[in-house]
């Protein structure tokens, strides 16, 4: 199904944590997403940080029609188109690229651009963006920076990513307007490579319990 931005925000606000995934082998995404779903997290931000990203999105859509798929680390309009064609429900970018935002809007594809300062936020608002990714969260001032930004931009919906961990995620989620946090500690690349699905499942359960 095609989600609106509002539907995605609503769904993420219930889940509260989004796995940010990079796989070297596209085939690994199937047992990984199965593990996520089985342990209470039917969502995946599959990044273009590896050449396997596009195929991993395609495989996820084929095998898990009900999982919410975000295409992450989208750096070019061409990647946005590839992600949509592969079955992504939405696009996430690390920075604010107006060309990608306009293209996604033309494609009726929800997009969450990355920002970490007032200039980028105002550029996003100018294009009608409703939700932004605050990245890199910890390196950009963390919770205190988000609180400061929400002073003038009180209606902004924010999804922090970058440096999120079990020790700080609750602090982020306690901030008004923080919809959900992106994290990778429970989908560690080494665990994926070694296909340690039991350990990933344990970490996913811990993450879900932590934010519930």
C-alpha atoms as a PDB file:
ATOM      1  CA  UNK A   1       0.000   0.000   0.000  1.00  0.00           C
ATOM      2  CA  UNK A   2       1.059   3.603  -0.540  1.00  0.00           C
ATOM      3  CA  UNK A   3       1.457   5.531   2.690  1.00  0.00           C
ATOM      4  CA  UNK A   4       0.984   9.254   3.133  1.00  0.00           C
ATOM      5  CA  UNK A   5       3.497  11.205   5.208  1.00  0.00           C
ATOM      6  CA  UNK A   6       0.890  11.468   7.961  1.00  0.00           C
ATOM      7  CA  UNK A   7       0.340   7.694   7.976  1.00  0.00           C
ATOM      8  CA  UNK A   8       4.076   7.052   8.170  1.00  0.00           C
ATOM      9  CA  UNK A   9       4.470   9.494  11.063  1.00  0.00           C
ATOM     10  CA  UNK A  10       1.579   7.830  12.879  1.00  0.00           C
ATOM     11  CA  UNK A  11       3.036   4.353  12.359  1.00  0.00           C
ATOM     12  CA  UNK A  12       6.537   5.378  13.424  1.00  0.00           C
ATOM     13  CA  UNK A  13       5.225   7.185  16.492  1.00  0.00           C
ATOM     14  CA  UNK A  14       3.825   3.837  17.663  1.00  0.00           C
ATOM     15  CA  UNK A  15       7.001   1.861  16.913  1.00  0.00           C
ATOM     16  CA  UNK A  16       9.343   4.619  18.251  1.00  0.00           C
ATOM     17  CA  UNK A  17      12.536   3.007  16.959  1.00  0.00           C
ATOM     18  CA  UNK A  18      13.608   2.355  13.368  1.00  0.00           C
ATOM     19  CA  UNK A  19      16.392  -0.085  12.454  1.00  0.00           C
ATOM     20  CA  UNK A  20      18.935   1.582  10.164  1.00  0.00           C
ATOM     21  CA  UNK A  21      20.307  -1.248   8.056  1.00  0.00           C
ATOM     22  CA  UNK A  22      23.294  -1.732   5.770  1.00  0.00           C
ATOM     23  CA  UNK A  23      23.785  -5.155   4.189  1.00  0.00           C
ATOM     24  CA  UNK A  24      26.672  -6.316   2.021  1.00  0.00           C
ATOM     25  CA  UNK A  25      24.640  -9.230   0.661  1.00  0.00           C
ATOM     26  CA  UNK A  26      21.074  -8.475  -0.418  1.00  0.00           C
ATOM     27  CA  UNK A  27      19.928 -11.996   0.462  1.00  0.00           C
ATOM     28  CA  UNK A  28      20.695 -11.349   4.142  1.00  0.00           C
ATOM     29  CA  UNK A  29      17.816  -8.886   4.294  1.00  0.00           C
ATOM     30  CA  UNK A  30      15.196 -11.670   4.234  1.00  0.00           C
ATOM     31  CA  UNK A  31      16.147 -13.404   7.519  1.00  0.00           C
ATOM     32  CA  UNK A  32      16.959  -9.999   9.023  1.00  0.00           C
ATOM     33  CA  UNK A  33      13.549  -8.475   8.317  1.00  0.00           C
ATOM     34  CA  UNK A  34      11.919 -11.736   9.404  1.00  0.00           C
ATOM     35  CA  UNK A  35      13.760 -11.415  12.718  1.00  0.00           C
ATOM     36  CA  UNK A  36      12.685  -7.781  13.074  1.00  0.00           C
ATOM     37  CA  UNK A  37       9.047  -8.627  12.345  1.00  0.00           C
ATOM     38  CA  UNK A  38       8.998 -11.666  14.615  1.00  0.00           C
ATOM     39  CA  UNK A  39      10.263  -9.543  17.496  1.00  0.00           C
ATOM     40  CA  UNK A  40       7.858  -6.642  17.201  1.00  0.00           C
ATOM     41  CA  UNK A  41       9.497  -4.277  14.724  1.00  0.00           C
ATOM     42  CA  UNK A  42       7.851  -4.411  11.259  1.00  0.00           C
ATOM     43  CA  UNK A  43       9.896  -1.536   9.843  1.00  0.00           C
ATOM     44  CA  UNK A  44      13.266  -1.204   8.117  1.00  0.00           C
ATOM     45  CA  UNK A  45      15.327   1.712   6.878  1.00  0.00           C
ATOM     46  CA  UNK A  46      17.430   0.002   4.239  1.00  0.00           C
ATOM     47  CA  UNK A  47      20.301   2.246   3.260  1.00  0.00           C
ATOM     48  CA  UNK A  48      22.137   2.825   0.021  1.00  0.00           C
ATOM     49  CA  UNK A  49      25.425   2.663   1.933  1.00  0.00           C
ATOM     50  CA  UNK A  50      26.206  -0.519   0.026  1.00  0.00           C
ATOM     51  CA  UNK A  51      25.608  -1.643  -3.542  1.00  0.00           C
ATOM     52  CA  UNK A  52      23.114  -4.194  -2.201  1.00  0.00           C
ATOM     53  CA  UNK A  53      20.660  -1.540  -0.978  1.00  0.00           C
ATOM     54  CA  UNK A  54      18.335  -1.418  -3.965  1.00  0.00           C
ATOM     55  CA  UNK A  55      18.053  -5.193  -4.285  1.00  0.00           C
ATOM     56  CA  UNK A  56      17.565  -5.520  -0.520  1.00  0.00           C
ATOM     57  CA  UNK A  57      14.594  -3.141  -0.750  1.00  0.00           C
ATOM     58  CA  UNK A  58      13.164  -5.154  -3.642  1.00  0.00           C
ATOM     59  CA  UNK A  59      13.504  -8.451  -1.762  1.00  0.00           C
ATOM     60  CA  UNK A  60      11.938  -6.975   1.363  1.00  0.00           C
ATOM     61  CA  UNK A  61       8.941  -5.716  -0.572  1.00  0.00           C
ATOM     62  CA  UNK A  62       8.496  -9.098  -2.284  1.00  0.00           C
ATOM     63  CA  UNK A  63       8.669 -11.135   0.919  1.00  0.00           C
ATOM     64  CA  UNK A  64       7.170  -8.717   3.455  1.00  0.00           C
ATOM     65  CA  UNK A  65       4.309  -6.713   1.922  1.00  0.00           C
ATOM     66  CA  UNK A  66       3.213  -5.328   5.299  1.00  0.00           C
ATOM     67  CA  UNK A  67       6.614  -4.092   6.497  1.00  0.00           C
ATOM     68  CA  UNK A  68       7.186  -0.336   6.301  1.00  0.00           C
ATOM     69  CA  UNK A  69      10.261   0.215   4.130  1.00  0.00           C
ATOM     70  CA  UNK A  70      12.266   3.416   4.164  1.00  0.00           C
ATOM     71  CA  UNK A  71      15.114   3.840   1.698  1.00  0.00           C
ATOM     72  CA  UNK A  72      17.944   5.504   3.597  1.00  0.00           C
ATOM     73  CA  UNK A  73      21.123   7.378   2.662  1.00  0.00           C
ATOM     74  CA  UNK A  74      19.515   8.488  -0.601  1.00  0.00           C
ATOM     75  CA  UNK A  75      21.987  10.955  -2.109  1.00  0.00           C
ATOM     76  CA  UNK A  76      20.704  11.466  -5.662  1.00  0.00           C
ATOM     77  CA  UNK A  77      17.391  11.759  -7.518  1.00  0.00           C
ATOM     78  CA  UNK A  78      18.322   8.584  -9.419  1.00  0.00           C
ATOM     79  CA  UNK A  79      18.579   6.653  -6.151  1.00  0.00           C
ATOM     80  CA  UNK A  80      15.168   7.977  -5.096  1.00  0.00           C
ATOM     81  CA  UNK A  81      13.625   6.680  -8.325  1.00  0.00           C
ATOM     82  CA  UNK A  82      15.398   3.330  -7.924  1.00  0.00           C
ATOM     83  CA  UNK A  83      14.136   3.054  -4.351  1.00  0.00           C
ATOM     84  CA  UNK A  84      10.555   3.782  -5.383  1.00  0.00           C
ATOM     85  CA  UNK A  85      10.723   1.251  -8.208  1.00  0.00           C
ATOM     86  CA  UNK A  86      12.129  -1.341  -5.799  1.00  0.00           C
ATOM     87  CA  UNK A  87       9.173  -0.852  -3.461  1.00  0.00           C
ATOM     88  CA  UNK A  88      10.230   1.679  -0.825  1.00  0.00           C
ATOM     89  CA  UNK A  89       7.394   3.420   1.030  1.00  0.00           C
ATOM     90  CA  UNK A  90       9.419   6.544   1.766  1.00  0.00           C
ATOM     91  CA  UNK A  91      12.795   8.188   1.278  1.00  0.00           C
ATOM     92  CA  UNK A  92      15.250   9.329   3.951  1.00  0.00           C
ATOM     93  CA  UNK A  93      18.214  11.559   3.121  1.00  0.00           C
ATOM     94  CA  UNK A  94      21.192  12.458   5.336  1.00  0.00           C
ATOM     95  CA  UNK A  95      21.088  16.113   4.264  1.00  0.00           C
ATOM     96  CA  UNK A  96      18.682  18.538   2.648  1.00  0.00           C
ATOM     97  CA  UNK A  97      18.729  18.196  -1.149  1.00  0.00           C
ATOM     98  CA  UNK A  98      15.900  20.253  -2.695  1.00  0.00           C
ATOM     99  CA  UNK A  99      16.126  18.322  -5.961  1.00  0.00           C
ATOM    100  CA  UNK A 100      15.409  15.040  -4.187  1.00  0.00           C
ATOM    101  CA  UNK A 101      12.592  16.592  -2.149  1.00  0.00           C
ATOM    102  CA  UNK A 102      10.901  18.067  -5.243  1.00  0.00           C
ATOM    103  CA  UNK A 103      11.248  14.792  -7.139  1.00  0.00           C
ATOM    104  CA  UNK A 104       9.745  12.773  -4.292  1.00  0.00           C
ATOM    105  CA  UNK A 105       6.851  15.215  -4.063  1.00  0.00           C
ATOM    106  CA  UNK A 106       6.270  14.870  -7.807  1.00  0.00           C
ATOM    107  CA  UNK A 107       6.308  11.076  -7.408  1.00  0.00           C
ATOM    108  CA  UNK A 108       3.933  11.293  -4.409  1.00  0.00           C
ATOM    109  CA  UNK A 109       6.641   9.560  -2.387  1.00  0.00           C
ATOM    110  CA  UNK A 110       7.014  10.691   1.256  1.00  0.00           C
ATOM    111  CA  UNK A 111      10.467  12.078   1.990  1.00  0.00           C
ATOM    112  CA  UNK A 112      12.242  12.856   5.263  1.00  0.00           C
ATOM    113  CA  UNK A 113      15.285  15.018   4.551  1.00  0.00           C
ATOM    114  CA  UNK A 114      18.169  15.373   6.951  1.00  0.00           C
ATOM    115  CA  UNK A 115      18.740  18.671   8.768  1.00  0.00           C
ATOM    116  CA  UNK A 116      20.748  19.876  11.757  1.00  0.00           C
ATOM    117  CA  UNK A 117      20.434  23.669  11.642  1.00  0.00           C
ATOM    118  CA  UNK A 118      17.851  26.447  11.175  1.00  0.00           C
ATOM    119  CA  UNK A 119      18.860  27.187   7.571  1.00  0.00           C
ATOM    120  CA  UNK A 120      18.180  23.618   6.438  1.00  0.00           C
ATOM    121  CA  UNK A 121      14.936  23.490   8.426  1.00  0.00           C
ATOM    122  CA  UNK A 122      13.658  26.672   6.789  1.00  0.00           C
ATOM    123  CA  UNK A 123      14.574  25.356   3.344  1.00  0.00           C
ATOM    124  CA  UNK A 124      12.643  22.167   4.123  1.00  0.00           C
ATOM    125  CA  UNK A 125       9.621  24.066   5.439  1.00  0.00           C
ATOM    126  CA  UNK A 126       9.666  26.255   2.325  1.00  0.00           C
ATOM    127  CA  UNK A 127       9.048  23.099   0.270  1.00  0.00           C
ATOM    128  CA  UNK A 128       6.267  21.900   2.554  1.00  0.00           C
ATOM    129  CA  UNK A 129       8.233  19.181   4.345  1.00  0.00           C
ATOM    130  CA  UNK A 130       6.404  18.017   7.486  1.00  0.00           C
ATOM    131  CA  UNK A 131       8.986  15.711   9.060  1.00  0.00           C
ATOM    132  CA  UNK A 132      12.773  15.862   9.099  1.00  0.00           C
ATOM    133  CA  UNK A 133      15.630  13.602  10.076  1.00  0.00           C
ATOM    134  CA  UNK A 134      17.928  15.223  12.656  1.00  0.00           C
ATOM    135  CA  UNK A 135      21.340  13.923  11.611  1.00  0.00           C
ATOM    136  CA  UNK A 136      23.918  13.288  12.907  1.00  0.00           C
ATOM    137  CA  UNK A 137      21.978  13.637  16.140  1.00  0.00           C
ATOM    138  CA  UNK A 138      24.591  13.288  18.869  1.00  0.00           C
ATOM    139  CA  UNK A 139      27.349  15.072  16.942  1.00  0.00           C
ATOM    140  CA  UNK A 140      24.967  17.962  16.191  1.00  0.00           C
ATOM    141  CA  UNK A 141      24.128  18.735  19.806  1.00  0.00           C
ATOM    142  CA  UNK A 142      21.710  15.953  20.649  1.00  0.00           C
ATOM    143  CA  UNK A 143      18.648  16.499  22.788  1.00  0.00           C
ATOM    144  CA  UNK A 144      19.585  20.047  23.771  1.00  0.00           C
ATOM    145  CA  UNK A 145      19.917  21.118  20.143  1.00  0.00           C
ATOM    146  CA  UNK A 146      16.540  19.608  19.256  1.00  0.00           C
ATOM    147  CA  UNK A 147      14.898  21.423  22.162  1.00  0.00           C
ATOM    148  CA  UNK A 148      16.470  24.686  21.012  1.00  0.00           C
ATOM    149  CA  UNK A 149      15.273  24.164  17.429  1.00  0.00           C
ATOM    150  CA  UNK A 150      11.733  23.411  18.585  1.00  0.00           C
ATOM    151  CA  UNK A 151      11.556  26.904  20.062  1.00  0.00           C
ATOM    152  CA  UNK A 152      11.025  28.645  16.716  1.00  0.00           C
ATOM    153  CA  UNK A 153       9.942  25.512  14.816  1.00  0.00           C
ATOM    154  CA  UNK A 154       7.337  24.176  17.234  1.00  0.00           C
ATOM    155  CA  UNK A 155       5.333  22.196  14.661  1.00  0.00           C
ATOM    156  CA  UNK A 156       8.268  20.296  13.205  1.00  0.00           C
ATOM    157  CA  UNK A 157       8.192  16.490  13.399  1.00  0.00           C
ATOM    158  CA  UNK A 158      11.681  15.157  14.103  1.00  0.00           C
ATOM    159  CA  UNK A 159      13.358  11.759  13.721  1.00  0.00           C
ATOM    160  CA  UNK A 160      16.852  11.776  15.263  1.00  0.00           C
ATOM    161  CA  UNK A 161      19.475   9.383  13.893  1.00  0.00           C
ATOM    162  CA  UNK A 162      23.195   9.115  14.499  1.00  0.00           C
ATOM    163  CA  UNK A 163      24.684   8.126  17.831  1.00  0.00           C
ATOM    164  CA  UNK A 164      21.370   6.857  19.195  1.00  0.00           C
ATOM    165  CA  UNK A 165      21.900   4.072  21.742  1.00  0.00           C
ATOM    166  CA  UNK A 166      20.087   2.290  24.569  1.00  0.00           C
ATOM    167  CA  UNK A 167      21.583   4.825  26.984  1.00  0.00           C
ATOM    168  CA  UNK A 168      20.099   7.922  25.309  1.00  0.00           C
ATOM    169  CA  UNK A 169      17.101   6.914  23.203  1.00  0.00           C
ATOM    170  CA  UNK A 170      14.606   7.573  26.002  1.00  0.00           C
ATOM    171  CA  UNK A 171      15.962  11.111  26.391  1.00  0.00           C
ATOM    172  CA  UNK A 172      15.265  11.761  22.715  1.00  0.00           C
ATOM    173  CA  UNK A 173      11.807  10.201  22.783  1.00  0.00           C
ATOM    174  CA  UNK A 174      10.886  12.346  25.791  1.00  0.00           C
ATOM    175  CA  UNK A 175      11.237  15.488  23.653  1.00  0.00           C
ATOM    176  CA  UNK A 176       7.938  16.744  22.187  1.00  0.00           C
ATOM    177  CA  UNK A 177       7.730  16.292  18.410  1.00  0.00           C
ATOM    178  CA  UNK A 178      10.300  13.480  18.309  1.00  0.00           C
ATOM    179  CA  UNK A 179       8.363  10.839  16.392  1.00  0.00           C
ATOM    180  CA  UNK A 180      10.884   7.982  16.492  1.00  0.00           C
ATOM    181  CA  UNK A 181      14.628   7.411  16.570  1.00  0.00           C
ATOM    182  CA  UNK A 182      16.782   5.615  14.048  1.00  0.00           C
ATOM    183  CA  UNK A 183      19.262   3.147  15.501  1.00  0.00           C
ATOM    184  CA  UNK A 184      21.667   0.485  14.325  1.00  0.00           C
ATOM    185  CA  UNK A 185      22.988  -1.035  17.556  1.00  0.00           C
ATOM    186  CA  UNK A 186      20.482  -3.907  17.344  1.00  0.00           C
ATOM    187  CA  UNK A 187      21.143  -4.590  13.640  1.00  0.00           C
ATOM    188  CA  UNK A 188      24.922  -4.527  13.888  1.00  0.00           C
ATOM    189  CA  UNK A 189      26.651  -5.200  10.585  1.00  0.00           C
ATOM    190  CA  UNK A 190      28.959  -7.817  12.114  1.00  0.00           C
ATOM    191  CA  UNK A 191      25.978  -9.741  13.495  1.00  0.00           C
ATOM    192  CA  UNK A 192      24.286  -9.620  10.097  1.00  0.00           C
ATOM    193  CA  UNK A 193      27.437 -10.818   8.357  1.00  0.00           C
ATOM    194  CA  UNK A 194      27.751 -13.740  10.785  1.00  0.00           C
ATOM    195  CA  UNK A 195      23.991 -14.403  10.417  1.00  0.00           C
ATOM    196  CA  UNK A 196      23.521 -14.365  14.180  1.00  0.00           C
ATOM    197  CA  UNK A 197      19.754 -13.956  13.991  1.00  0.00           C
ATOM    198  CA  UNK A 198      19.199 -15.176  17.557  1.00  0.00           C
ATOM    199  CA  UNK A 199      21.366 -12.409  18.991  1.00  0.00           C
ATOM    200  CA  UNK A 200      19.787  -9.820  16.692  1.00  0.00           C
ATOM    201  CA  UNK A 201      16.362 -11.023  17.821  1.00  0.00           C
ATOM    202  CA  UNK A 202      17.367 -10.624  21.464  1.00  0.00           C
ATOM    203  CA  UNK A 203      18.639  -7.093  20.839  1.00  0.00           C
ATOM    204  CA  UNK A 204      15.490  -6.178  18.908  1.00  0.00           C
ATOM    205  CA  UNK A 205      13.293  -7.390  21.772  1.00  0.00           C
ATOM    206  CA  UNK A 206      15.364  -5.340  24.207  1.00  0.00           C
ATOM    207  CA  UNK A 207      15.022  -2.247  22.004  1.00  0.00           C
ATOM    208  CA  UNK A 208      11.260  -2.675  21.649  1.00  0.00           C
ATOM    209  CA  UNK A 209      10.853  -3.153  25.405  1.00  0.00           C
ATOM    210  CA  UNK A 210      13.077  -0.157  26.114  1.00  0.00           C
ATOM    211  CA  UNK A 211      10.882   2.265  24.154  1.00  0.00           C
ATOM    212  CA  UNK A 212       7.500   0.787  25.054  1.00  0.00           C
END
